C-alpha atoms as a PDB file:
ATOM      1  CA  MET A   1       0.514  -7.214  12.385  1.00  0.00           C
ATOM      2  CA  PRO A   2      -2.099  -7.212   9.692  1.00  0.00           C
ATOM      3  CA  LEU A   3      -4.454  -9.458  11.632  1.00  0.00           C
ATOM      4  CA  LEU A   4      -4.340  -6.933  14.582  1.00  0.00           C
ATOM      5  CA  ILE A   5      -6.585  -4.702  12.459  1.00  0.00           C
ATOM      6  CA  PHE A   6      -9.472  -6.432  13.806  1.00  0.00           C
ATOM      7  CA  TYR A   7      -8.453  -5.734  17.497  1.00  0.00           C
ATOM      8  CA  TYR A   8      -6.476  -2.548  17.336  1.00  0.00           C
ATOM      9  CA  PRO A   9      -7.093  -1.014  13.933  1.00  0.00           C
ATOM     10  CA  ILE A  10      -5.303   2.207  14.215  1.00  0.00           C
ATOM     11  CA  PHE A  11      -2.207   0.720  15.898  1.00  0.00           C
ATOM     12  CA  SER A  12      -2.068  -2.050  13.263  1.00  0.00           C
ATOM     13  CA  ALA A  13      -2.394   0.382  10.259  1.00  0.00           C
ATOM     14  CA  LEU A  14       0.330   2.589  11.698  1.00  0.00           C
ATOM     15  CA  VAL A  15       2.706  -0.293  12.472  1.00  0.00           C
ATOM     16  CA  VAL A  16       2.166  -2.108   9.098  1.00  0.00           C
ATOM     17  CA  THR A  17       2.961   1.221   7.260  1.00  0.00           C
ATOM     18  CA  PHE A  18       6.046   1.936   9.365  1.00  0.00           C
ATOM     19  CA  LEU A  19       7.451  -1.498   8.869  1.00  0.00           C
ATOM     20  CA  ASP A  20       6.695  -1.223   5.108  1.00  0.00           C
ATOM     21  CA  ILE A  21       8.734   1.915   5.061  1.00  0.00           C
ATOM     22  CA  ILE A  22      11.808   0.577   6.749  1.00  0.00           C
ATOM     23  CA  ASP A  23      11.845  -3.117   5.659  1.00  0.00           C
ATOM     24  CA  ALA A  24      14.123  -2.337   2.682  1.00  0.00           C
ATOM     25  CA  ASP A  25      16.836  -0.939   5.091  1.00  0.00           C
ATOM     26  CA  PHE A  26      16.934  -4.258   6.935  1.00  0.00           C
ATOM     27  CA  ALA A  27      16.689  -6.617   3.868  1.00  0.00           C
ATOM     28  CA  SER A  28      19.204  -4.647   1.954  1.00  0.00           C
ATOM     29  CA  ASN A  29      21.921  -5.199   4.834  1.00  0.00           C
ATOM     30  CA  ARG A  30      23.138  -8.336   3.053  1.00  0.00           C
ATOM     31  CA  VAL A  31      19.873 -10.460   4.033  1.00  0.00           C
ATOM     32  CA  LEU A  32      18.243 -10.652   0.633  1.00  0.00           C
ATOM     33  CA  SER A  33      18.951  -9.814  -2.989  1.00  0.00           C
ATOM     34  CA  LEU A  34      16.826  -7.001  -4.573  1.00  0.00           C
ATOM     35  CA  LYS A  35      14.761  -9.522  -6.644  1.00  0.00           C
ATOM     36  CA  GLU A  36      14.006 -11.582  -3.508  1.00  0.00           C
ATOM     37  CA  TYR A  37      13.196  -8.551  -1.393  1.00  0.00           C
ATOM     38  CA  GLU A  38      10.783  -7.186  -4.095  1.00  0.00           C
ATOM     39  CA  ARG A  39       8.928 -10.520  -4.192  1.00  0.00           C
ATOM     40  CA  TYR A  40       8.757 -10.860  -0.435  1.00  0.00           C
ATOM     41  CA  ASP A  41       7.617  -7.221  -0.045  1.00  0.00           C
ATOM     42  CA  LYS A  42       4.841  -7.712  -2.646  1.00  0.00           C
ATOM     43  CA  ILE A  43       3.772 -10.861  -0.718  1.00  0.00           C
ATOM     44  CA  LEU A  44       3.637  -9.101   2.492  1.00  0.00           C
ATOM     45  CA  ASP A  45       1.830  -6.042   0.931  1.00  0.00           C
ATOM     46  CA  LEU A  46      -0.897  -8.415  -0.483  1.00  0.00           C
ATOM     47  CA  TRP A  47      -1.256  -9.844   3.055  1.00  0.00           C
ATOM     48  CA  TRP A  48      -1.794  -6.346   4.486  1.00  0.00           C
ATOM     49  CA  TYR A  49      -4.213  -5.363   1.653  1.00  0.00           C
ATOM     50  CA  THR A  50      -6.211  -8.597   1.964  1.00  0.00           C
ATOM     51  CA  MET A  51      -6.650  -7.946   5.717  1.00  0.00           C
ATOM     52  CA  ALA A  52      -7.611  -4.308   5.041  1.00  0.00           C
ATOM     53  CA  ILE A  53     -10.243  -5.343   2.309  1.00  0.00           C
ATOM     54  CA  VAL A  54     -11.788  -7.972   4.741  1.00  0.00           C
ATOM     55  CA  TYR A  55     -11.751  -5.270   7.541  1.00  0.00           C
ATOM     56  CA  SER A  56     -13.669  -2.896   5.118  1.00  0.00           C
ATOM     57  CA  VAL A  57     -16.502  -5.678   4.598  1.00  0.00           C
ATOM     58  CA  PHE A  58     -17.286  -5.253   8.131  1.00  0.00           C
ATOM     59  CA  TYR A  59     -16.408  -1.822   9.139  1.00  0.00           C
ATOM     60  CA  LEU A  60     -16.453   0.458   6.098  1.00  0.00           C
ATOM     61  CA  LYS A  61     -19.415  -1.005   4.192  1.00  0.00           C
ATOM     62  CA  PRO A  62     -20.387   2.236   2.563  1.00  0.00           C
ATOM     63  CA  TYR A  63     -16.936   2.214   0.764  1.00  0.00           C
ATOM     64  CA  PHE A  64     -16.582  -1.507   0.176  1.00  0.00           C
ATOM     65  CA  VAL A  65     -17.338  -1.769  -3.470  1.00  0.00           C
ATOM     66  CA  PHE A  66     -15.120   1.010  -4.343  1.00  0.00           C
ATOM     67  CA  LEU A  67     -12.251  -0.470  -2.131  1.00  0.00           C
ATOM     68  CA  LEU A  68     -12.743  -3.773  -3.708  1.00  0.00           C
ATOM     69  CA  PHE A  69     -12.472  -2.459  -7.227  1.00  0.00           C
ATOM     70  CA  LEU A  70      -9.091  -0.839  -6.274  1.00  0.00           C
ATOM     71  CA  TYR A  71      -7.909  -3.908  -4.419  1.00  0.00           C
ATOM     72  CA  LEU A  72      -8.500  -6.064  -7.418  1.00  0.00           C
ATOM     73  CA  TYR A  73      -6.844  -3.737  -9.759  1.00  0.00           C
ATOM     74  CA  ARG A  74      -3.704  -3.687  -7.636  1.00  0.00           C
ATOM     75  CA  LEU A  75      -3.965  -7.482  -7.351  1.00  0.00           C
ATOM     76  CA  ALA A  76      -3.896  -7.777 -10.989  1.00  0.00           C
ATOM     77  CA  GLY A  77      -0.941  -5.647 -11.126  1.00  0.00           C
ATOM     78  CA  ASP A  78       0.787  -7.906  -8.482  1.00  0.00           C
ATOM     79  CA  ILE A  79      -0.011 -11.006 -10.349  1.00  0.00           C
ATOM     80  CA  ILE A  80       1.668  -9.504 -13.572  1.00  0.00           C
ATOM     81  CA  PHE A  81       4.586  -8.564 -11.535  1.00  0.00           C
ATOM     82  CA  PHE A  82       5.097 -12.090 -10.225  1.00  0.00           C
ATOM     83  CA  ILE A  83       4.813 -13.471 -13.748  1.00  0.00           C
ATOM     84  CA  LYS A  84       7.053 -10.918 -15.534  1.00  0.00           C
ATOM     85  CA  ASN A  85       9.239  -9.842 -12.544  1.00  0.00           C
ATOM     86  CA  ASP A  86       9.526  -6.391 -13.751  1.00  0.00           C
ATOM     87  CA  ARG A  87       8.679  -3.797 -10.979  1.00  0.00           C
ATOM     88  CA  ARG A  88       8.228  -1.019 -13.596  1.00  0.00           C
ATOM     89  CA  LEU A  89       4.862  -2.760 -14.486  1.00  0.00           C
ATOM     90  CA  LEU A  90       3.521  -1.716 -11.195  1.00  0.00           C
ATOM     91  CA  PHE A  91       3.512   1.894 -12.373  1.00  0.00           C
ATOM     92  CA  PHE A  92       0.570   0.966 -14.528  1.00  0.00           C
ATOM     93  CA  PHE A  93      -1.214  -0.742 -11.621  1.00  0.00           C
ATOM     94  CA  GLN A  94      -0.938   2.016  -9.065  1.00  0.00           C
ATOM     95  CA  ASN A  95      -1.580   1.120  -5.365  1.00  0.00           C
ATOM     96  CA  PHE A  96      -4.699   3.371  -5.151  1.00  0.00           C
ATOM     97  CA  PHE A  97      -6.225   0.786  -2.815  1.00  0.00           C
ATOM     98  CA  GLU A  98      -4.107   1.565   0.180  1.00  0.00           C
ATOM     99  CA  ASN A  99      -4.430   5.399  -0.174  1.00  0.00           C
ATOM    100  CA  ALA A 100      -8.156   5.070  -0.516  1.00  0.00           C
ATOM    101  CA  PHE A 101      -8.400   2.666   2.379  1.00  0.00           C
ATOM    102  CA  PHE A 102      -6.360   5.026   4.502  1.00  0.00           C
ATOM    103  CA  VAL A 103      -8.643   8.041   3.680  1.00  0.00           C
ATOM    104  CA  VAL A 104     -11.832   6.214   4.609  1.00  0.00           C
ATOM    105  CA  PHE A 105     -10.262   4.230   7.498  1.00  0.00           C
ATOM    106  CA  PHE A 106      -8.819   7.202   9.324  1.00  0.00           C
ATOM    107  CA  GLY A 107     -11.700   9.483   8.221  1.00  0.00           C
ATOM    108  CA  SER A 108     -14.147   6.956   9.872  1.00  0.00           C
ATOM    109  CA  LEU A 109     -12.203   6.194  12.967  1.00  0.00           C
ATOM    110  CA  VAL A 110     -10.726   9.475  13.990  1.00  0.00           C
ATOM    111  CA  ASN A 111     -13.348  12.100  14.905  1.00  0.00           C
ATOM    112  CA  GLY A 112     -10.895  15.026  13.923  1.00  0.00           C
ATOM    113  CA  LEU A 113     -10.542  13.595  10.392  1.00  0.00           C
ATOM    114  CA  ARG A 114     -14.180  13.038   9.630  1.00  0.00           C
ATOM    115  CA  PHE A 115     -14.319  16.128   7.499  1.00  0.00           C
ATOM    116  CA  ILE A 116     -11.954  14.348   4.785  1.00  0.00           C
ATOM    117  CA  ILE A 117     -14.786  11.892   3.988  1.00  0.00           C
ATOM    118  CA  SER A 118     -17.745  14.209   4.376  1.00  0.00           C
ATOM    119  CA  GLY A 119     -19.704  15.304   1.229  1.00  0.00           C
ATOM    120  CA  SER A 120     -17.538  16.372  -1.582  1.00  0.00           C
ATOM    121  CA  ASN A 121     -14.323  16.526   0.615  1.00  0.00           C
ATOM    122  CA  LEU A 122     -14.026  12.780   0.082  1.00  0.00           C
ATOM    123  CA  TYR A 123     -13.564  13.257  -3.753  1.00  0.00           C
ATOM    124  CA  LEU A 124     -11.052  16.083  -3.218  1.00  0.00           C
ATOM    125  CA  THR A 125      -9.114  14.125  -0.621  1.00  0.00           C
ATOM    126  CA  LEU A 126      -8.938  11.030  -3.046  1.00  0.00           C
ATOM    127  CA  ILE A 127      -7.937  13.130  -6.072  1.00  0.00           C
ATOM    128  CA  ILE A 128      -5.120  14.607  -3.958  1.00  0.00           C
ATOM    129  CA  ALA A 129      -4.183  11.298  -2.455  1.00  0.00           C
ATOM    130  CA  PHE A 130      -4.148   9.586  -5.866  1.00  0.00           C
ATOM    131  CA  MET A 131      -1.970  12.317  -7.530  1.00  0.00           C
ATOM    132  CA  LEU A 132       0.560  11.947  -4.863  1.00  0.00           C
ATOM    133  CA  LYS A 133       0.498   8.251  -5.267  1.00  0.00           C
ATOM    134  CA  ILE A 134       1.062   8.467  -8.929  1.00  0.00           C
ATOM    135  CA  PHE A 135       4.162  10.635  -8.386  1.00  0.00           C
ATOM    136  CA  GLN A 136       5.520   8.354  -5.709  1.00  0.00           C
ATOM    137  CA  GLU A 137       4.897   5.140  -7.798  1.00  0.00           C
ATOM    138  CA  TRP A 138       6.720   6.850 -10.740  1.00  0.00           C
ATOM    139  CA  LEU A 139       9.592   7.531  -8.536  1.00  0.00           C
ATOM    140  CA  VAL A 140       9.918   4.114  -7.025  1.00  0.00           C
ATOM    141  CA  HIS A 141       8.806   1.902  -9.907  1.00  0.00           C
ATOM    142  CA  TRP A 142       9.830   3.773 -13.007  1.00  0.00           C
ATOM    143  CA  LYS A 143      12.755   5.980 -12.122  1.00  0.00           C
ATOM    144  CA  GLN A 144      13.691   3.413  -9.462  1.00  0.00           C
ATOM    145  CA  PHE A 145      14.643   6.272  -7.178  1.00  0.00           C
ATOM    146  CA  THR A 146      15.658   5.467  -3.515  1.00  0.00           C
ATOM    147  CA  PHE A 147      16.834   7.707  -0.860  1.00  0.00           C
ATOM    148  CA  LYS A 148      19.687   5.329   0.142  1.00  0.00           C
ATOM    149  CA  LYS A 149      21.622   4.437  -3.115  1.00  0.00           C
ATOM    150  CA  ASN A 150      24.292   2.477  -1.237  1.00  0.00           C
ATOM    151  CA  ARG A 151      22.440  -0.450  -0.127  1.00  0.00           C
ATOM    152  CA  LEU A 152      24.038  -3.860   0.185  1.00  0.00           C
ATOM    153  CA  TRP A 153      21.822  -6.286  -1.538  1.00  0.00           C
ATOM    154  CA  LEU A 154      22.955  -9.889  -1.801  1.00  0.00           C
ATOM    155  CA  LYS A 155      23.957 -10.713  -5.318  1.00  0.00           C
ATOM    156  CA  ASP A 156      21.385 -12.883  -7.346  1.00  0.00           C
END
């Protein structure tokens, strides 16, 4: 799906996001162990982020340097995660990239959302998106909160 961003950008972004939300439900149905899932999930996330940053080179040029900085920041966190295998470390390397990408992506492509990137609205929108992301990452990576506690992960 990430490659489709170059042909059907909005469709690709929505489907990738949807699949990322539901993938744990499938993987935890005695398909993978939690550790295996976390590693595969991060690899697939990186594949999506890489296609998104390449897309931004061509179609979101005014925001590219900012997005690249956030991409590299998250990439550093993912590399540390792969070495240490401790998902709590990702709390310190928040995924601000995807949130910022979606703000400028949808703000650029959807006429009704252009206001979120116009003038100082961009800063306010990013601050709100980043604050929500910090809370979400704290829940997921530090508190290890999930809405479905009775998952059937394979044993390691």
